[in-house]
């Protein structure tokens, strides 16, 4: 019975992974995304290499509508994967706050944002971090009536005062040589990036040559690049 359940779980996961990979539009996008999904699985199972911290608490498959980029929807164009991270940190309070007792703060606005308390004579506070990072292949954007499809979009949401906010956006472009084979394509690409930057998108570019060169053997290339993206967007331990 247990073997049957395991097979059913793996079958459902395989279907979702194949659905995600099918949304990519080129072989190099598929390679990039396959390595990213592997990175996510290994980060959850084993944590970060050489770092005693959790990068990702878990993930789920999700879809959204263009009109509501936060709420989960069942019927929409964009289908992706949502990573989650939550933790609590403690830090010293700057001297101007003085020393507070938790009982004295009950009913104040401070408790809505952070909890301050006294431990062993040290003035500390705890701060909760709750994040979700949505990753979508072939993500549609509309900036000043200019329509684009991003190869991949990384959308970071954070919970502030019980409200979810989109706080950072990263666009990933995987371009083969044929994409920039002439002057017009090169110029259009630069204009596209400026438009994305004007809408607060951070753009990462990967060439087909480097993706293909690092696909056949384990160089650590993809792991390093994924960490750069997560660090730039401020997800997981990079939010601390």
Protein backbone atom coordinates (compact mmCIF):
# COMPACT_ATOMS: atom_id res chain seq x y z
CA UNK A 1 0.00 0.00 0.00
CA UNK A 2 2.78 2.44 0.94
CA UNK A 3 4.65 1.70 -2.32
CA UNK A 4 1.52 2.54 -4.27
CA UNK A 5 1.13 5.87 -2.45
CA UNK A 6 4.80 6.75 -3.08
CA UNK A 7 4.38 5.99 -6.78
CA UNK A 8 1.26 8.18 -6.94
CA UNK A 9 3.07 11.08 -5.26
CA UNK A 10 6.05 10.78 -7.60
CA UNK A 11 3.75 10.51 -10.60
CA UNK A 12 1.98 13.76 -9.67
CA UNK A 13 5.30 15.52 -9.12
CA UNK A 14 6.59 14.27 -12.47
CA UNK A 15 3.49 15.59 -14.24
CA UNK A 16 3.92 19.04 -12.69
CA UNK A 17 7.63 19.15 -13.53
CA UNK A 18 6.95 18.12 -17.14
CA UNK A 19 4.22 20.75 -17.34
CA UNK A 20 6.65 23.42 -16.16
CA UNK A 21 9.36 22.32 -18.56
CA UNK A 22 6.90 22.22 -21.45
CA UNK A 23 6.26 25.95 -21.02
CA UNK A 24 9.83 26.83 -22.01
CA UNK A 25 10.36 27.82 -25.63
CA UNK A 26 13.92 26.76 -26.35
CA UNK A 27 16.32 23.93 -25.45
CA UNK A 28 18.56 26.27 -23.43
CA UNK A 29 15.58 27.51 -21.38
CA UNK A 30 14.62 23.90 -20.69
CA UNK A 31 18.17 23.08 -19.53
CA UNK A 32 18.27 26.15 -17.29
CA UNK A 33 14.88 25.36 -15.74
CA UNK A 34 15.69 21.67 -15.23
CA UNK A 35 18.83 22.61 -13.27
CA UNK A 36 16.84 25.16 -11.28
CA UNK A 37 14.25 22.54 -10.28
CA UNK A 38 17.07 20.20 -9.26
CA UNK A 39 18.61 23.00 -7.19
CA UNK A 40 15.28 23.58 -5.42
CA UNK A 41 14.84 19.89 -4.59
CA UNK A 42 18.36 19.51 -3.24
CA UNK A 43 18.19 22.75 -1.24
CA UNK A 44 15.08 21.51 0.57
CA UNK A 45 16.40 18.00 1.14
CA UNK A 46 19.96 18.77 2.21
CA UNK A 47 20.21 22.51 2.92
CA UNK A 48 22.99 24.69 1.62
CA UNK A 49 26.40 23.19 1.04
CA UNK A 50 28.85 24.30 3.75
CA UNK A 51 26.22 26.55 5.37
CA UNK A 52 24.22 25.43 8.39
CA UNK A 53 21.01 27.16 7.35
CA UNK A 54 17.90 26.37 5.35
CA UNK A 55 17.54 28.12 2.03
CA UNK A 56 14.04 26.98 1.17
CA UNK A 57 11.40 25.69 3.57
CA UNK A 58 9.24 24.18 0.85
CA UNK A 59 7.47 24.78 -2.42
CA UNK A 60 4.18 24.34 -4.20
CA UNK A 61 2.96 24.69 -7.76
CA UNK A 62 0.94 27.80 -8.46
CA UNK A 63 -0.69 29.87 -11.13
CA UNK A 64 -1.71 33.51 -11.29
CA UNK A 65 -3.64 35.98 -13.40
CA UNK A 66 -2.22 39.16 -14.86
CA UNK A 67 -4.65 41.20 -12.76
CA UNK A 68 -3.74 39.60 -9.43
CA UNK A 69 -0.05 38.70 -9.12
CA UNK A 70 -0.30 37.53 -5.50
CA UNK A 71 -3.41 35.42 -5.09
CA UNK A 72 -3.34 31.79 -6.20
CA UNK A 73 -5.64 30.98 -9.11
CA UNK A 74 -6.61 27.69 -10.68
CA UNK A 75 -7.29 28.92 -14.21
CA UNK A 76 -4.73 31.29 -15.68
CA UNK A 77 -2.03 31.64 -18.29
CA UNK A 78 1.00 31.63 -16.00
CA UNK A 79 1.93 28.41 -14.23
CA UNK A 80 4.96 28.24 -12.00
CA UNK A 81 6.46 27.18 -8.72
CA UNK A 82 6.27 29.03 -5.39
CA UNK A 83 9.09 28.72 -2.86
CA UNK A 84 8.52 29.58 0.78
CA UNK A 85 10.83 30.79 3.53
CA UNK A 86 10.02 31.82 7.09
CA UNK A 87 12.23 32.45 10.09
CA UNK A 88 12.59 34.57 13.21
CA UNK A 89 15.73 36.57 13.95
CA UNK A 90 16.90 38.39 17.07
CA UNK A 91 18.87 41.61 17.04
CA UNK A 92 20.08 44.24 19.50
CA UNK A 93 17.87 47.29 19.89
CA UNK A 94 19.61 50.62 19.40
CA UNK A 95 20.12 52.61 22.65
CA UNK A 96 17.42 55.21 21.98
CA UNK A 97 14.72 52.60 22.48
CA UNK A 98 15.82 51.83 26.04
CA UNK A 99 14.75 48.59 27.71
CA UNK A 100 11.19 47.34 27.35
CA UNK A 101 9.28 44.65 29.14
CA UNK A 102 6.90 42.55 27.05
CA UNK A 103 4.04 43.18 29.49
CA UNK A 104 4.46 46.95 29.10
CA UNK A 105 4.06 46.68 25.32
CA UNK A 106 0.77 44.81 25.23
CA UNK A 107 -1.77 46.67 23.15
CA UNK A 108 0.82 48.91 21.48
CA UNK A 109 1.53 49.22 17.78
CA UNK A 110 4.99 47.75 18.34
CA UNK A 111 3.51 44.28 18.74
CA UNK A 112 2.07 44.44 15.25
CA UNK A 113 5.55 44.70 13.76
CA UNK A 114 7.97 43.15 16.22
CA UNK A 115 8.14 41.79 19.76
CA UNK A 116 10.70 43.35 22.11
CA UNK A 117 11.78 41.59 25.27
CA UNK A 118 14.55 41.38 27.90
CA UNK A 119 16.85 38.36 27.96
CA UNK A 120 19.70 38.07 30.46
CA UNK A 121 19.94 41.84 30.72
CA UNK A 122 20.34 42.28 26.96
CA UNK A 123 17.87 44.40 25.05
CA UNK A 124 16.79 42.29 22.05
CA UNK A 125 13.91 42.04 19.64
CA UNK A 126 12.58 39.31 17.41
CA UNK A 127 11.60 39.89 13.82
CA UNK A 128 9.65 37.42 11.72
CA UNK A 129 10.44 37.08 8.03
CA UNK A 130 7.85 35.42 5.81
CA UNK A 131 8.58 35.26 2.09
CA UNK A 132 7.36 33.57 -1.03
CA UNK A 133 9.23 33.52 -4.31
CA UNK A 134 7.21 32.79 -7.45
CA UNK A 135 9.12 31.56 -10.50
CA UNK A 136 7.34 31.55 -13.86
CA UNK A 137 8.62 30.48 -17.29
CA UNK A 138 7.49 32.60 -20.26
CA UNK A 139 6.03 35.30 -18.03
CA UNK A 140 3.97 38.06 -19.69
CA UNK A 141 4.62 41.69 -18.77
CA UNK A 142 3.02 44.90 -20.00
CA UNK A 143 5.01 48.10 -19.42
CA UNK A 144 3.50 51.30 -20.84
CA UNK A 145 1.66 49.24 -23.46
CA UNK A 146 4.84 47.42 -24.45
CA UNK A 147 4.28 43.68 -24.21
CA UNK A 148 7.08 41.25 -23.44
CA UNK A 149 7.52 37.61 -22.61
CA UNK A 150 10.30 36.98 -20.13
CA UNK A 151 12.05 33.64 -20.32
CA UNK A 152 11.73 33.47 -16.52
CA UNK A 153 10.34 35.80 -13.88
CA UNK A 154 11.30 35.67 -10.19
CA UNK A 155 8.75 37.56 -8.06
CA UNK A 156 9.54 38.05 -4.36
CA UNK A 157 6.63 38.64 -1.97
CA UNK A 158 6.95 39.49 1.70
CA UNK A 159 4.44 39.67 4.53
CA UNK A 160 4.51 43.12 6.14
CA UNK A 161 2.02 43.90 8.90
CA UNK A 162 -0.26 41.05 7.78
CA UNK A 163 -0.30 42.22 4.16
CA UNK A 164 1.51 40.57 1.24
CA UNK A 165 3.59 42.88 -0.93
CA UNK A 166 5.52 42.34 -4.14
CA UNK A 167 8.92 43.75 -3.17
CA UNK A 168 11.39 42.69 -5.88
CA UNK A 169 11.42 41.36 -9.44
CA UNK A 170 14.12 39.58 -11.41
CA UNK A 171 13.91 38.74 -15.12
CA UNK A 172 16.10 35.95 -16.51
CA UNK A 173 16.83 35.84 -20.23
CA UNK A 174 18.48 32.83 -21.89
CA UNK A 175 19.64 33.90 -25.35
CA UNK A 176 21.28 31.84 -28.03
CA UNK A 177 23.68 33.30 -30.61
CA UNK A 178 21.00 33.32 -33.29
CA UNK A 179 18.90 35.69 -31.16
CA UNK A 180 21.51 38.46 -31.54
CA UNK A 181 22.75 37.62 -35.00
CA UNK A 182 22.17 41.13 -36.38
CA UNK A 183 22.40 44.77 -35.32
CA UNK A 184 18.62 45.32 -35.06
CA UNK A 185 18.16 42.36 -32.70
CA UNK A 186 21.02 43.60 -30.53
CA UNK A 187 19.56 47.14 -30.38
CA UNK A 188 16.03 45.89 -29.64
CA UNK A 189 17.38 43.76 -26.81
CA UNK A 190 19.05 46.78 -25.19
CA UNK A 191 15.85 48.81 -25.50
CA UNK A 192 13.87 45.96 -23.95
CA UNK A 193 16.23 45.85 -20.96
CA UNK A 194 15.97 49.60 -20.40
CA UNK A 195 12.18 49.30 -20.42
CA UNK A 196 12.31 46.48 -17.89
CA UNK A 197 14.72 48.45 -15.69
CA UNK A 198 12.34 51.42 -15.75
CA UNK A 199 9.70 49.14 -14.20
CA UNK A 200 12.10 47.99 -11.44
CA UNK A 201 13.00 44.68 -13.05
CA UNK A 202 16.55 43.40 -12.43
CA UNK A 203 17.72 41.56 -15.55
CA UNK A 204 20.03 38.52 -15.58
CA UNK A 205 21.29 37.35 -18.97
CA UNK A 206 22.66 33.91 -19.79
CA UNK A 207 24.06 32.89 -23.15
CA UNK A 208 23.19 29.61 -24.78
CA UNK A 209 26.91 28.83 -25.08
CA UNK A 210 27.55 28.98 -21.32
CA UNK A 211 24.39 27.02 -20.49
CA UNK A 212 25.25 24.26 -22.95
CA UNK A 213 28.89 24.19 -21.89
CA UNK A 214 27.98 23.52 -18.26
CA UNK A 215 25.08 21.15 -18.87
CA UNK A 216 26.94 17.89 -19.47
CA UNK A 217 28.94 17.75 -16.24
CA UNK A 218 28.82 19.12 -12.70
CA UNK A 219 30.88 22.31 -12.58
CA UNK A 220 28.89 24.02 -9.85
CA UNK A 221 28.07 26.69 -12.42
CA UNK A 222 24.29 26.54 -12.08
CA UNK A 223 24.36 26.48 -8.28
CA UNK A 224 26.56 29.58 -8.21
CA UNK A 225 24.32 31.43 -10.64
CA UNK A 226 21.12 30.50 -8.78
CA UNK A 227 22.66 31.77 -5.55
CA UNK A 228 23.48 35.05 -7.28
CA UNK A 229 19.83 35.43 -8.29
CA UNK A 230 18.54 34.61 -4.80
CA UNK A 231 21.06 36.97 -3.22
CA UNK A 232 20.10 39.78 -5.59
CA UNK A 233 16.41 39.34 -4.92
CA UNK A 234 16.96 38.85 -1.17
CA UNK A 235 15.29 35.49 -0.66
CA UNK A 236 15.81 33.00 2.17
CA UNK A 237 19.02 33.36 4.17
CA UNK A 238 19.92 36.32 1.96
CA UNK A 239 17.08 38.25 3.63
CA UNK A 240 18.79 37.98 7.02
